[in-house]
Amino acid sequence: MSGKGDARRPIDENEYRDNYDKIFGKKNKRKVKVDEEPFHIRNAKHLIDVKLKWEEKQKNKRDSKEDS
């Protein structure tokens, strides 16, 4: 009679260890360089530059219309 806990299921030990490591093993954390500027700050600076250029173009357009 095979009841709960009588006998272990036959398993492939190597496959079990590999799968265990995949699930519970050490995670590969991405290292962030300290001297690099974070993405959100670079993105904000870029957006500010784009807005300033756009405002300058709008100002130039208004000035050229007023001169005409």
C-alpha atoms as a PDB file:
ATOM      1  CA  MET A   1       0.000   0.000   0.000  1.00  0.00           C
ATOM      2  CA  SER A   2       1.325   3.397  -1.000  1.00  0.00           C
ATOM      3  CA  GLY A   3      -0.079   6.118   1.128  1.00  0.00           C
ATOM      4  CA  LYS A   4       1.101   9.624   1.862  1.00  0.00           C
ATOM      5  CA  GLY A   5       4.779   9.692   2.652  1.00  0.00           C
ATOM      6  CA  ASP A   6       5.445   6.005   1.975  1.00  0.00           C
ATOM      7  CA  ALA A   7       7.853   6.420  -0.942  1.00  0.00           C
ATOM      8  CA  ARG A   8       9.365   9.278  -2.892  1.00  0.00           C
ATOM      9  CA  ARG A   9       8.551   9.744  -6.521  1.00  0.00           C
ATOM     10  CA  PRO A  10      11.344   8.882  -8.888  1.00  0.00           C
ATOM     11  CA  ILE A  11      12.950  12.136 -10.074  1.00  0.00           C
ATOM     12  CA  ASP A  12      15.987  13.217 -12.002  1.00  0.00           C
ATOM     13  CA  GLU A  13      18.200  14.831  -9.326  1.00  0.00           C
ATOM     14  CA  ASN A  14      20.149  17.027 -11.776  1.00  0.00           C
ATOM     15  CA  GLU A  15      17.011  18.422 -13.362  1.00  0.00           C
ATOM     16  CA  TYR A  16      15.529  19.027  -9.903  1.00  0.00           C
ATOM     17  CA  ARG A  17      18.616  20.987  -8.805  1.00  0.00           C
ATOM     18  CA  ASP A  18      18.685  23.022 -12.012  1.00  0.00           C
ATOM     19  CA  ASN A  19      15.027  23.950 -11.687  1.00  0.00           C
ATOM     20  CA  TYR A  20      15.445  24.738  -7.994  1.00  0.00           C
ATOM     21  CA  ASP A  21      18.313  27.105  -8.809  1.00  0.00           C
ATOM     22  CA  LYS A  22      16.291  28.755 -11.568  1.00  0.00           C
ATOM     23  CA  ILE A  23      13.441  29.457  -9.166  1.00  0.00           C
ATOM     24  CA  PHE A  24      15.152  30.103  -5.834  1.00  0.00           C
ATOM     25  CA  GLY A  25      18.769  30.737  -6.803  1.00  0.00           C
ATOM     26  CA  LYS A  26      20.621  34.001  -6.623  1.00  0.00           C
ATOM     27  CA  LYS A  27      19.175  36.711  -8.794  1.00  0.00           C
ATOM     28  CA  ASN A  28      21.437  38.526 -11.223  1.00  0.00           C
ATOM     29  CA  LYS A  29      21.055  42.123 -10.219  1.00  0.00           C
ATOM     30  CA  ARG A  30      21.906  44.765 -12.767  1.00  0.00           C
ATOM     31  CA  LYS A  31      24.658  46.962 -11.446  1.00  0.00           C
ATOM     32  CA  VAL A  32      24.079  50.662 -11.856  1.00  0.00           C
ATOM     33  CA  LYS A  33      27.041  52.915 -12.396  1.00  0.00           C
ATOM     34  CA  VAL A  34      27.124  55.597  -9.745  1.00  0.00           C
ATOM     35  CA  ASP A  35      28.575  58.270 -12.012  1.00  0.00           C
ATOM     36  CA  GLU A  36      25.810  57.842 -14.619  1.00  0.00           C
ATOM     37  CA  GLU A  37      22.891  60.237 -14.555  1.00  0.00           C
ATOM     38  CA  PRO A  38      19.536  58.483 -13.983  1.00  0.00           C
ATOM     39  CA  PHE A  39      17.268  58.099 -16.999  1.00  0.00           C
ATOM     40  CA  HIS A  40      14.442  60.250 -15.634  1.00  0.00           C
ATOM     41  CA  ILE A  41      16.782  63.190 -15.115  1.00  0.00           C
ATOM     42  CA  ARG A  42      18.294  62.857 -18.610  1.00  0.00           C
ATOM     43  CA  ASN A  43      14.788  62.608 -20.051  1.00  0.00           C
ATOM     44  CA  ALA A  44      13.601  65.692 -18.160  1.00  0.00           C
ATOM     45  CA  LYS A  45      16.583  67.717 -19.383  1.00  0.00           C
ATOM     46  CA  HIS A  46      15.897  66.617 -22.955  1.00  0.00           C
ATOM     47  CA  LEU A  47      12.227  67.607 -22.704  1.00  0.00           C
ATOM     48  CA  ILE A  48      13.154  71.015 -21.290  1.00  0.00           C
ATOM     49  CA  ASP A  49      15.585  71.573 -24.176  1.00  0.00           C
ATOM     50  CA  VAL A  50      12.921  70.618 -26.722  1.00  0.00           C
ATOM     51  CA  LYS A  51      10.400  72.956 -25.099  1.00  0.00           C
ATOM     52  CA  LEU A  52      12.875  75.855 -25.035  1.00  0.00           C
ATOM     53  CA  LYS A  53      13.706  75.345 -28.730  1.00  0.00           C
ATOM     54  CA  TRP A  54       9.997  75.212 -29.580  1.00  0.00           C
ATOM     55  CA  GLU A  55       9.341  78.428 -27.622  1.00  0.00           C
ATOM     56  CA  GLU A  56      12.241  80.127 -29.409  1.00  0.00           C
ATOM     57  CA  LYS A  57      10.788  79.123 -32.791  1.00  0.00           C
ATOM     58  CA  GLN A  58       7.371  80.443 -31.782  1.00  0.00           C
ATOM     59  CA  LYS A  59       8.923  83.715 -30.670  1.00  0.00           C
ATOM     60  CA  ASN A  60      10.813  84.035 -33.965  1.00  0.00           C
ATOM     61  CA  LYS A  61       7.599  83.388 -35.911  1.00  0.00           C
ATOM     62  CA  ARG A  62       5.731  86.066 -33.943  1.00  0.00           C
ATOM     63  CA  ASP A  63       8.574  88.550 -34.437  1.00  0.00           C
ATOM     64  CA  SER A  64       8.707  87.905 -38.185  1.00  0.00           C
ATOM     65  CA  LYS A  65       4.907  88.365 -38.497  1.00  0.00           C
ATOM     66  CA  GLU A  66       5.064  91.654 -36.579  1.00  0.00           C
ATOM     67  CA  ASP A  67       7.875  92.928 -38.830  1.00  0.00           C
ATOM     68  CA  SER A  68       5.876  92.186 -41.962  1.00  0.00           C
END
